Amino acid sequence: MAAQERLRSQNPAEFIRNHLQGKKISDQFSVQVIANPVRFAEQAHFTLHLIQEPGGERSLDPVYTGLFSAGRASQNIHGWVDGDYFETALFQGERRISLTEGFLDIELFKILGEVVPPGGSFMVSYSLFSKESRIHRETKRGLDRGYPPAVTPLGFLLFLAGCGMGFKDWYFAEGGREGPEKLQGFKAIDPQAARQKARELLQELRIFSAVPVEDDLGQTCKLRVEQVVKELEKLSKLT
């Protein structure tokens, strides 16, 4: 563990490569990572492609691209991941794979969540300049309606990745698009903080459960409540 922490802080690009390269997200797919240093020593830019077995064919386009930061202990800044998620992967012959099918998206987010340290965060854009898909649009609609972030499509993935103990919606209403529209999910810094936040989120979900919804998006978000509540109740009762 100590060696991993030193590698995380001293060489973030190598840490990301070591942690993510070849990780399986299903029996058929694993990930290939390309990671490179950037201007700030504690950060690395990385791109994830799918590798399909057998044969080892790589997707032509990435499924995630973004930045990893090991944080700055001297300034009490915890580590984070921030980037763009793409729901489909293109292979040769115009063959497209949906990560939603087979729950590949859940497994992808889980391995990304593993690189976020306690107290850190995981950010994902929900407005893209290209390759925007239903998951991004429905996340935006759900957040605009005031639904709990954990039950929106991308928020649910962040929650399952272990980064759902609090959310921040980076939407800038004044002056147009002053920055990226993204959802940020936080990892609890310790078990006590996790218990406290779990109780707060449970209350938020109970309120949402009592609100009637009529369209497919609302119904789908309500279907996620049961799973999120089950996990939060486990956390809230831990001693």
Protein backbone atom coordinates (compact mmCIF):
# COMPACT_ATOMS: atom_id res chain seq x y z
CA MET A 1 0.00 0.00 0.00
CA ALA A 2 2.82 2.42 0.90
CA ALA A 3 4.51 1.71 -2.43
CA GLN A 4 1.27 2.42 -4.28
CA GLU A 5 0.82 5.72 -2.43
CA ARG A 6 4.38 6.80 -3.29
CA LEU A 7 3.81 5.89 -6.93
CA ARG A 8 0.48 7.75 -6.94
CA SER A 9 2.10 10.98 -5.78
CA GLN A 10 5.52 10.71 -7.48
CA ASN A 11 4.48 9.38 -10.89
CA PRO A 12 0.71 9.68 -11.50
CA ALA A 13 0.95 8.52 -15.13
CA GLU A 14 2.72 5.30 -14.15
CA PHE A 15 0.27 4.78 -11.29
CA ILE A 16 -2.70 5.03 -13.67
CA ARG A 17 -1.06 2.68 -16.16
CA ASN A 18 -0.25 0.13 -13.48
CA HIS A 19 -3.70 0.27 -11.93
CA LEU A 20 -5.89 0.27 -15.03
CA GLN A 21 -3.98 -1.55 -17.76
CA GLY A 22 -5.66 -4.82 -18.66
CA LYS A 23 -8.41 -4.55 -16.04
CA LYS A 24 -11.34 -6.70 -17.08
CA ILE A 25 -14.82 -5.24 -17.13
CA SER A 26 -16.44 -8.45 -18.43
CA ASP A 27 -15.48 -11.88 -19.72
CA GLN A 28 -15.07 -10.36 -23.19
CA PHE A 29 -13.66 -6.90 -22.55
CA SER A 30 -10.73 -5.34 -20.74
CA VAL A 31 -9.31 -1.82 -20.88
CA GLN A 32 -6.17 -0.42 -22.45
CA VAL A 33 -4.82 2.77 -20.94
CA ILE A 34 -2.61 5.47 -22.40
CA ALA A 35 -1.35 7.84 -19.70
CA ASN A 36 1.03 10.78 -19.98
CA PRO A 37 2.35 13.50 -17.66
CA VAL A 38 0.97 17.03 -17.96
CA ARG A 39 2.04 20.44 -16.71
CA PHE A 40 1.30 19.79 -13.05
CA ALA A 41 3.48 17.11 -11.48
CA GLU A 42 0.65 15.50 -9.54
CA GLN A 43 -1.54 15.05 -12.62
CA ALA A 44 -1.69 12.77 -15.67
CA HIS A 45 -3.85 12.72 -18.76
CA PHE A 46 -5.24 9.31 -19.65
CA THR A 47 -7.41 7.64 -22.26
CA LEU A 48 -9.18 4.29 -21.99
CA HIS A 49 -10.04 2.03 -24.93
CA LEU A 50 -11.78 -1.32 -24.86
CA ILE A 51 -9.91 -4.50 -25.79
CA GLN A 52 -12.07 -7.38 -27.00
CA GLU A 53 -11.09 -11.01 -26.45
CA PRO A 54 -10.29 -13.28 -28.08
CA GLY A 55 -8.07 -11.54 -30.59
CA GLY A 56 -7.18 -8.40 -28.65
CA GLU A 57 -8.96 -5.99 -31.00
CA ARG A 58 -8.90 -2.42 -29.67
CA SER A 59 -11.83 -0.05 -30.00
CA LEU A 60 -11.23 2.70 -32.53
CA ASP A 61 -12.38 5.39 -30.13
CA PRO A 62 -12.03 5.78 -26.35
CA VAL A 63 -14.66 5.07 -23.72
CA TYR A 64 -13.18 7.55 -21.25
CA THR A 65 -10.66 10.33 -21.48
CA GLY A 66 -9.64 12.78 -18.81
CA LEU A 67 -7.27 13.80 -16.03
CA PHE A 68 -6.13 12.06 -12.88
CA SER A 69 -4.73 14.03 -9.95
CA ALA A 70 -2.96 12.51 -6.98
CA GLY A 71 -3.85 15.64 -5.00
CA ARG A 72 -1.64 18.00 -3.01
CA ALA A 73 -1.23 16.98 0.59
CA SER A 74 0.51 20.28 1.43
CA GLN A 75 -2.67 22.14 0.48
CA ASN A 76 -5.08 19.48 1.79
CA ILE A 77 -6.29 18.80 -1.77
CA HIS A 78 -7.45 15.23 -2.23
CA GLY A 79 -7.03 13.30 -5.46
CA TRP A 80 -9.59 13.24 -8.24
CA VAL A 81 -10.57 11.97 -11.67
CA ASP A 82 -12.21 14.33 -14.16
CA GLY A 83 -13.19 13.58 -17.74
CA ASP A 84 -15.61 12.53 -20.46
CA TYR A 85 -17.38 9.18 -20.63
CA PHE A 86 -18.53 7.77 -23.97
CA GLU A 87 -21.28 5.17 -23.82
CA THR A 88 -20.49 3.38 -27.09
CA ALA A 89 -17.25 1.96 -28.47
CA LEU A 90 -16.64 1.63 -32.22
CA PHE A 91 -14.77 -1.38 -33.60
CA GLN A 92 -13.71 -2.30 -37.11
CA GLY A 93 -16.51 -2.84 -39.59
CA GLU A 94 -18.65 -0.10 -38.01
CA ARG A 95 -19.48 -2.46 -35.15
CA ARG A 96 -20.60 -0.59 -32.05
CA ILE A 97 -20.67 -1.87 -28.49
CA SER A 98 -22.96 -0.26 -25.91
CA LEU A 99 -21.40 -0.19 -22.46
CA THR A 100 -24.87 -0.05 -20.92
CA GLU A 101 -25.52 -3.56 -22.22
CA GLY A 102 -24.01 -6.21 -20.01
CA PHE A 103 -23.36 -3.61 -17.30
CA LEU A 104 -19.96 -2.78 -18.76
CA ASP A 105 -20.47 0.84 -17.70
CA ILE A 106 -20.79 -0.15 -14.03
CA GLU A 107 -17.57 -2.15 -14.10
CA LEU A 108 -15.73 0.63 -15.95
CA PHE A 109 -16.78 3.23 -13.37
CA LYS A 110 -15.85 0.90 -10.52
CA ILE A 111 -12.25 0.52 -11.67
CA LEU A 112 -12.01 4.28 -12.17
CA GLY A 113 -13.44 4.86 -8.71
CA GLU A 114 -10.70 2.69 -7.24
CA VAL A 115 -8.02 5.26 -8.13
CA VAL A 116 -9.83 7.99 -6.18
CA PRO A 117 -8.43 8.21 -2.62
CA PRO A 118 -10.58 8.76 0.51
CA GLY A 119 -11.87 12.31 0.51
CA GLY A 120 -11.33 12.60 -3.24
CA SER A 121 -13.82 12.95 -6.06
CA PHE A 122 -14.82 11.62 -9.47
CA MET A 123 -16.15 14.06 -12.07
CA VAL A 124 -17.81 13.23 -15.36
CA SER A 125 -19.19 15.61 -17.98
CA TYR A 126 -22.85 15.41 -18.89
CA SER A 127 -22.66 17.89 -21.76
CA LEU A 128 -20.29 16.91 -24.57
CA PHE A 129 -19.28 18.65 -27.76
CA SER A 130 -19.30 15.32 -29.59
CA LYS A 131 -20.52 11.77 -28.97
CA GLU A 132 -23.16 12.96 -26.52
CA SER A 133 -25.65 10.16 -25.92
CA ARG A 134 -28.83 9.43 -24.03
CA ILE A 135 -27.06 8.92 -20.70
CA HIS A 136 -25.71 12.49 -20.81
CA ARG A 137 -28.98 14.07 -21.87
CA GLU A 138 -31.04 12.21 -19.28
CA THR A 139 -28.57 13.08 -16.53
CA LYS A 140 -28.91 16.75 -17.43
CA ARG A 141 -32.70 16.54 -17.51
CA GLY A 142 -32.82 14.77 -14.16
CA LEU A 143 -30.52 17.31 -12.51
CA ASP A 144 -32.50 20.20 -14.02
CA ARG A 145 -35.63 18.74 -12.44
CA GLY A 146 -33.97 18.52 -9.06
CA TYR A 147 -33.83 14.73 -8.86
CA PRO A 148 -31.27 13.34 -6.39
CA PRO A 149 -28.00 13.06 -8.35
CA ALA A 150 -27.45 9.47 -7.20
CA VAL A 151 -30.46 8.25 -9.17
CA THR A 152 -29.65 10.07 -12.42
CA PRO A 153 -27.85 7.88 -14.99
CA LEU A 154 -24.32 9.22 -14.50
CA GLY A 155 -24.82 9.91 -10.80
CA PHE A 156 -25.86 6.29 -10.28
CA LEU A 157 -22.62 5.13 -11.92
CA LEU A 158 -20.61 7.46 -9.69
CA PHE A 159 -22.44 6.09 -6.66
CA LEU A 160 -21.69 2.49 -7.64
CA ALA A 161 -18.06 3.51 -8.18
CA GLY A 162 -17.83 4.41 -4.49
CA CYS A 163 -18.00 8.15 -5.14
CA GLY A 164 -21.55 8.92 -4.10
CA MET A 165 -21.14 10.37 -0.61
CA GLY A 166 -22.17 13.82 -1.79
CA PHE A 167 -22.50 15.44 -5.18
CA LYS A 168 -21.89 18.79 -6.80
CA ASP A 169 -23.48 19.83 -10.08
CA TRP A 170 -21.05 22.02 -12.00
CA TYR A 171 -23.67 23.92 -13.95
CA PHE A 172 -23.09 27.62 -14.44
CA ALA A 173 -26.39 29.38 -15.01
CA GLU A 174 -25.02 32.91 -15.34
CA GLY A 175 -23.23 34.14 -18.43
CA GLY A 176 -23.81 31.06 -20.55
CA ARG A 177 -21.30 28.21 -20.68
CA GLU A 178 -18.62 29.52 -18.33
CA GLY A 179 -17.25 26.04 -17.77
CA PRO A 180 -17.92 22.36 -18.36
CA GLU A 181 -21.24 20.95 -17.22
CA LYS A 182 -20.28 18.01 -15.10
CA LEU A 183 -21.39 16.01 -12.09
CA GLN A 184 -18.91 15.54 -9.26
CA GLY A 185 -19.28 12.64 -6.82
CA PHE A 186 -17.30 12.49 -3.59
CA LYS A 187 -15.69 9.59 -1.73
CA ALA A 188 -16.03 9.74 2.06
CA ILE A 189 -12.80 10.49 3.87
CA ASP A 190 -13.49 7.96 6.63
CA PRO A 191 -16.25 5.58 7.87
CA GLN A 192 -17.71 8.16 10.25
CA ALA A 193 -18.14 10.68 7.43
CA ALA A 194 -19.66 7.95 5.25
CA ARG A 195 -22.26 7.10 7.91
CA GLN A 196 -23.25 10.73 8.37
CA LYS A 197 -23.51 11.39 4.64
CA ALA A 198 -25.44 8.15 4.08
CA ARG A 199 -28.10 9.30 6.57
CA GLU A 200 -28.42 12.65 4.79
CA LEU A 201 -28.74 11.02 1.38
CA LEU A 202 -31.35 8.57 2.68
CA GLN A 203 -33.52 11.48 3.74
CA GLU A 204 -33.16 13.07 0.31
CA LEU A 205 -34.20 9.82 -1.39
CA ARG A 206 -37.21 9.33 0.88
CA ILE A 207 -38.47 12.77 -0.08
CA PHE A 208 -37.97 11.98 -3.76
CA SER A 209 -39.79 8.65 -3.40
CA ALA A 210 -42.91 10.48 -2.21
CA VAL A 211 -42.99 12.79 -5.25
CA PRO A 212 -45.14 11.51 -8.15
CA VAL A 213 -43.45 11.23 -11.55
CA GLU A 214 -45.07 10.44 -14.85
CA ASP A 215 -42.54 10.10 -17.66
CA ASP A 216 -40.03 7.32 -18.40
CA LEU A 217 -37.05 9.28 -17.05
CA GLY A 218 -38.72 9.84 -13.68
CA GLN A 219 -39.82 6.23 -13.45
CA THR A 220 -36.34 4.96 -14.29
CA CYS A 221 -34.78 7.21 -11.66
CA LYS A 222 -37.26 5.89 -9.10
CA LEU A 223 -36.29 2.32 -9.96
CA ARG A 224 -32.71 3.14 -8.91
CA VAL A 225 -33.83 4.38 -5.50
CA GLU A 226 -34.21 0.89 -4.02
CA GLN A 227 -30.65 -0.15 -4.85
CA VAL A 228 -29.13 3.12 -3.65
CA VAL A 229 -31.15 3.03 -0.42
CA LYS A 230 -30.06 -0.55 0.27
CA GLU A 231 -26.39 0.42 0.04
CA LEU A 232 -26.87 3.60 2.08
CA GLU A 233 -28.67 1.75 4.86
CA LYS A 234 -25.71 -0.60 5.17
CA LEU A 235 -23.38 2.38 5.55
CA SER A 236 -25.59 4.28 7.96
CA LYS A 237 -25.78 1.32 10.36
CA LEU A 238 -22.08 0.49 10.46
CA THR A 239 -20.49 1.01 13.85
